[in-house]
Amino acid sequence: MSGDFHDLAVVSATLTRQYDASPIAGKLVHLAVPSQSCDAVTSAAGHASCTVTPQGPAGTYTVKAAFAGDAGSQPSSYAKAFTVTREQTSLRYTGDTVIAIPTASKVSPPHPAPHRPAVPASLQTRAIVDPRPVPFRVTWERS
């Protein structure tokens, strides 16, 4: 069993007689995943299910089903791994697609850090930058 984080997931169990595997209808079954639980009544096929919304981070947890028993049937329980998968995401870039680069008349060296000597003025350079906008495209691929 598995479900995405914060998406609806169906947990289910089937209640049967142990000696002949015939279904037991009309019985209350308690289903639980970490931080959530629900109760469901078994169908004519012995099937009980309910919907939960996994809230824990992605990983493997235990889903438990329990029948408390009654005058005619003994209690029964079962546990199985339930995997919470990461939520699907999508991303769309909505920022600028053209950036204007202004003309720079002088590029200053960074301020000297204690471990880095200052750049002598004779080695400082002048840079002229084209002021026209530079178009670009950003794309993402899901892996």
C-alpha atoms as a PDB file:
ATOM      1  CA  MET A   1       0.000   0.000   0.000  1.00  0.00           C
ATOM      2  CA  SER A   2       1.181   3.491  -0.701  1.00  0.00           C
ATOM      3  CA  GLY A   3       0.010   7.077  -0.927  1.00  0.00           C
ATOM      4  CA  ASP A   4       1.468  10.496  -1.674  1.00  0.00           C
ATOM      5  CA  PHE A   5       2.100  12.902   1.179  1.00  0.00           C
ATOM      6  CA  HIS A   6      -1.000  15.038   1.736  1.00  0.00           C
ATOM      7  CA  ASP A   7      -3.076  13.247  -0.978  1.00  0.00           C
ATOM      8  CA  LEU A   8      -6.037  10.971  -0.310  1.00  0.00           C
ATOM      9  CA  ALA A   9      -5.152   7.270  -0.016  1.00  0.00           C
ATOM     10  CA  VAL A  10      -7.423   4.258   0.456  1.00  0.00           C
ATOM     11  CA  VAL A  11      -6.581   1.754   3.192  1.00  0.00           C
ATOM     12  CA  SER A  12      -8.478  -1.516   3.221  1.00  0.00           C
ATOM     13  CA  ALA A  13      -8.773  -4.957   4.792  1.00  0.00           C
ATOM     14  CA  THR A  14     -10.767  -8.119   4.210  1.00  0.00           C
ATOM     15  CA  LEU A  15     -12.243 -10.029   7.150  1.00  0.00           C
ATOM     16  CA  THR A  16     -12.612 -13.781   6.597  1.00  0.00           C
ATOM     17  CA  ARG A  17     -13.157 -16.928   8.643  1.00  0.00           C
ATOM     18  CA  GLN A  18      -9.846 -18.644   9.269  1.00  0.00           C
ATOM     19  CA  TYR A  19     -11.094 -22.216   8.768  1.00  0.00           C
ATOM     20  CA  ASP A  20     -12.593 -21.745   5.254  1.00  0.00           C
ATOM     21  CA  ALA A  21     -11.618 -18.185   4.157  1.00  0.00           C
ATOM     22  CA  SER A  22     -15.281 -17.224   3.691  1.00  0.00           C
ATOM     23  CA  PRO A  23     -16.002 -13.472   4.077  1.00  0.00           C
ATOM     24  CA  ILE A  24     -17.582 -12.035   7.213  1.00  0.00           C
ATOM     25  CA  ALA A  25     -20.021  -9.221   6.406  1.00  0.00           C
ATOM     26  CA  GLY A  26     -21.390  -6.402   8.557  1.00  0.00           C
ATOM     27  CA  LYS A  27     -18.514  -6.216  11.048  1.00  0.00           C
ATOM     28  CA  LEU A  28     -16.681  -3.083  12.200  1.00  0.00           C
ATOM     29  CA  VAL A  29     -12.980  -2.981  11.277  1.00  0.00           C
ATOM     30  CA  HIS A  30     -10.616  -0.324  12.649  1.00  0.00           C
ATOM     31  CA  LEU A  31      -7.946   0.859  10.180  1.00  0.00           C
ATOM     32  CA  ALA A  32      -5.029   3.034  11.293  1.00  0.00           C
ATOM     33  CA  VAL A  33      -1.992   4.732   9.807  1.00  0.00           C
ATOM     34  CA  PRO A  34       0.290   7.015  11.852  1.00  0.00           C
ATOM     35  CA  SER A  35      -1.692  10.076  13.027  1.00  0.00           C
ATOM     36  CA  GLN A  36      -4.996   8.906  11.470  1.00  0.00           C
ATOM     37  CA  SER A  37      -7.533   6.160  11.863  1.00  0.00           C
ATOM     38  CA  CYS A  38     -10.983   5.266  10.637  1.00  0.00           C
ATOM     39  CA  ASP A  39     -13.663   2.612  11.125  1.00  0.00           C
ATOM     40  CA  ALA A  40     -15.425   0.789   8.294  1.00  0.00           C
ATOM     41  CA  VAL A  41     -18.084  -1.915   8.112  1.00  0.00           C
ATOM     42  CA  THR A  42     -17.273  -4.995   6.040  1.00  0.00           C
ATOM     43  CA  SER A  43     -19.219  -5.584   2.824  1.00  0.00           C
ATOM     44  CA  ALA A  44     -20.790  -8.883   1.740  1.00  0.00           C
ATOM     45  CA  ALA A  45     -17.318  -9.791   0.435  1.00  0.00           C
ATOM     46  CA  GLY A  46     -15.785  -9.029   3.870  1.00  0.00           C
ATOM     47  CA  HIS A  47     -14.090  -5.935   2.485  1.00  0.00           C
ATOM     48  CA  ALA A  48     -13.702  -2.740   4.572  1.00  0.00           C
ATOM     49  CA  SER A  49     -11.986   0.441   3.400  1.00  0.00           C
ATOM     50  CA  CYS A  50     -11.689   4.120   4.146  1.00  0.00           C
ATOM     51  CA  THR A  51      -9.774   7.134   2.937  1.00  0.00           C
ATOM     52  CA  VAL A  52      -6.907   8.768   4.823  1.00  0.00           C
ATOM     53  CA  THR A  53      -4.531  11.616   4.029  1.00  0.00           C
ATOM     54  CA  PRO A  54      -0.889  10.754   4.869  1.00  0.00           C
ATOM     55  CA  GLN A  55       0.642  13.608   6.834  1.00  0.00           C
ATOM     56  CA  GLY A  56       4.059  12.184   7.728  1.00  0.00           C
ATOM     57  CA  PRO A  57       7.172  12.746   5.642  1.00  0.00           C
ATOM     58  CA  ALA A  58       7.968  10.293   2.858  1.00  0.00           C
ATOM     59  CA  GLY A  59       8.948   6.897   4.198  1.00  0.00           C
ATOM     60  CA  THR A  60       7.607   3.504   5.198  1.00  0.00           C
ATOM     61  CA  TYR A  61       5.071   3.216   8.002  1.00  0.00           C
ATOM     62  CA  THR A  62       2.753   0.501   9.297  1.00  0.00           C
ATOM     63  CA  VAL A  63      -0.958   0.403   8.508  1.00  0.00           C
ATOM     64  CA  LYS A  64      -2.962  -1.681  10.961  1.00  0.00           C
ATOM     65  CA  ALA A  65      -6.366  -3.326  10.657  1.00  0.00           C
ATOM     66  CA  ALA A  66      -8.188  -4.690  13.673  1.00  0.00           C
ATOM     67  CA  PHE A  67     -11.468  -6.484  14.301  1.00  0.00           C
ATOM     68  CA  ALA A  68     -12.420  -6.410  17.996  1.00  0.00           C
ATOM     69  CA  GLY A  69     -14.341  -9.669  17.851  1.00  0.00           C
ATOM     70  CA  ASP A  70     -17.937 -10.368  18.874  1.00  0.00           C
ATOM     71  CA  ALA A  71     -20.085 -13.161  20.309  1.00  0.00           C
ATOM     72  CA  GLY A  72     -19.496 -15.365  17.251  1.00  0.00           C
ATOM     73  CA  SER A  73     -15.955 -14.448  16.133  1.00  0.00           C
ATOM     74  CA  GLN A  74     -12.594 -13.998  17.826  1.00  0.00           C
ATOM     75  CA  PRO A  75     -10.651 -10.750  17.559  1.00  0.00           C
ATOM     76  CA  SER A  76      -8.188 -10.448  14.700  1.00  0.00           C
ATOM     77  CA  SER A  77      -5.570  -7.936  13.584  1.00  0.00           C
ATOM     78  CA  TYR A  78      -3.083  -7.483  10.806  1.00  0.00           C
ATOM     79  CA  ALA A  79      -0.280  -5.023  10.031  1.00  0.00           C
ATOM     80  CA  LYS A  80       1.314  -4.213   6.701  1.00  0.00           C
ATOM     81  CA  ALA A  81       3.852  -1.727   5.357  1.00  0.00           C
ATOM     82  CA  PHE A  82       2.431   1.530   4.018  1.00  0.00           C
ATOM     83  CA  THR A  83       4.736   3.757   1.972  1.00  0.00           C
ATOM     84  CA  VAL A  84       4.235   7.507   1.955  1.00  0.00           C
ATOM     85  CA  THR A  85       5.701   8.892  -1.253  1.00  0.00           C
ATOM     86  CA  ARG A  86       6.802  12.439  -1.876  1.00  0.00           C
ATOM     87  CA  GLU A  87       4.230  14.869  -3.222  1.00  0.00           C
ATOM     88  CA  GLN A  88       4.420  15.638  -6.939  1.00  0.00           C
ATOM     89  CA  THR A  89       5.473  19.178  -7.686  1.00  0.00           C
ATOM     90  CA  SER A  90       5.718  21.463 -10.673  1.00  0.00           C
ATOM     91  CA  LEU A  91       7.615  24.655 -11.167  1.00  0.00           C
ATOM     92  CA  ARG A  92       7.056  27.459 -13.636  1.00  0.00           C
ATOM     93  CA  TYR A  93       9.460  30.361 -14.005  1.00  0.00           C
ATOM     94  CA  THR A  94       7.571  33.671 -13.898  1.00  0.00           C
ATOM     95  CA  GLY A  95      10.380  36.223 -13.645  1.00  0.00           C
ATOM     96  CA  ASP A  96      11.971  38.448 -16.255  1.00  0.00           C
ATOM     97  CA  THR A  97      13.204  36.825 -19.432  1.00  0.00           C
ATOM     98  CA  VAL A  98      15.212  39.855 -20.595  1.00  0.00           C
ATOM     99  CA  ILE A  99      17.837  41.554 -18.462  1.00  0.00           C
ATOM    100  CA  ALA A 100      19.378  44.918 -19.394  1.00  0.00           C
ATOM    101  CA  ILE A 101      23.070  45.111 -18.541  1.00  0.00           C
ATOM    102  CA  PRO A 102      24.192  48.723 -17.969  1.00  0.00           C
ATOM    103  CA  THR A 103      27.490  50.115 -19.262  1.00  0.00           C
ATOM    104  CA  ALA A 104      30.272  49.900 -16.728  1.00  0.00           C
ATOM    105  CA  SER A 105      33.151  52.354 -16.994  1.00  0.00           C
ATOM    106  CA  LYS A 106      35.297  50.763 -14.327  1.00  0.00           C
ATOM    107  CA  VAL A 107      35.305  47.448 -12.578  1.00  0.00           C
ATOM    108  CA  SER A 108      36.617  47.818  -9.070  1.00  0.00           C
ATOM    109  CA  PRO A 109      38.465  45.018  -7.378  1.00  0.00           C
ATOM    110  CA  PRO A 110      36.858  43.543  -4.299  1.00  0.00           C
ATOM    111  CA  HIS A 111      37.853  45.000  -0.989  1.00  0.00           C
ATOM    112  CA  PRO A 112      40.944  43.233   0.234  1.00  0.00           C
ATOM    113  CA  ALA A 113      40.303  40.611   2.825  1.00  0.00           C
ATOM    114  CA  PRO A 114      42.827  40.005   5.603  1.00  0.00           C
ATOM    115  CA  HIS A 115      44.106  36.922   3.770  1.00  0.00           C
ATOM    116  CA  ARG A 116      44.094  38.458   0.254  1.00  0.00           C
ATOM    117  CA  PRO A 117      46.385  41.294  -0.919  1.00  0.00           C
ATOM    118  CA  ALA A 118      44.922  44.358  -2.622  1.00  0.00           C
ATOM    119  CA  VAL A 119      45.028  44.460  -6.439  1.00  0.00           C
ATOM    120  CA  PRO A 120      47.527  47.134  -7.575  1.00  0.00           C
ATOM    121  CA  ALA A 121      46.016  50.001  -9.597  1.00  0.00           C
ATOM    122  CA  SER A 122      48.221  49.060 -12.558  1.00  0.00           C
ATOM    123  CA  LEU A 123      46.440  45.701 -12.809  1.00  0.00           C
ATOM    124  CA  GLN A 124      42.921  47.099 -12.499  1.00  0.00           C
ATOM    125  CA  THR A 125      41.091  46.995 -15.823  1.00  0.00           C
ATOM    126  CA  ARG A 126      38.370  48.938 -17.531  1.00  0.00           C
ATOM    127  CA  ALA A 127      35.431  47.057 -18.962  1.00  0.00           C
ATOM    128  CA  ILE A 128      32.916  48.340 -21.449  1.00  0.00           C
ATOM    129  CA  VAL A 129      29.693  46.322 -21.401  1.00  0.00           C
ATOM    130  CA  ASP A 130      27.129  46.265 -24.222  1.00  0.00           C
ATOM    131  CA  PRO A 131      23.984  48.032 -22.838  1.00  0.00           C
ATOM    132  CA  ARG A 132      21.539  46.123 -25.083  1.00  0.00           C
ATOM    133  CA  PRO A 133      19.210  43.575 -23.416  1.00  0.00           C
ATOM    134  CA  VAL A 134      20.374  39.987 -23.520  1.00  0.00           C
ATOM    135  CA  PRO A 135      17.481  37.522 -24.047  1.00  0.00           C
ATOM    136  CA  PHE A 136      17.670  34.134 -22.392  1.00  0.00           C
ATOM    137  CA  ARG A 137      15.422  31.168 -21.772  1.00  0.00           C
ATOM    138  CA  VAL A 138      15.191  29.083 -18.600  1.00  0.00           C
ATOM    139  CA  THR A 139      13.940  25.502 -18.750  1.00  0.00           C
ATOM    140  CA  TRP A 140      13.688  22.790 -16.134  1.00  0.00           C
ATOM    141  CA  GLU A 141      13.496  19.065 -16.616  1.00  0.00           C
ATOM    142  CA  ARG A 142      12.032  16.751 -14.025  1.00  0.00           C
ATOM    143  CA  SER A 143      14.277  13.825 -13.151  1.00  0.00           C
END
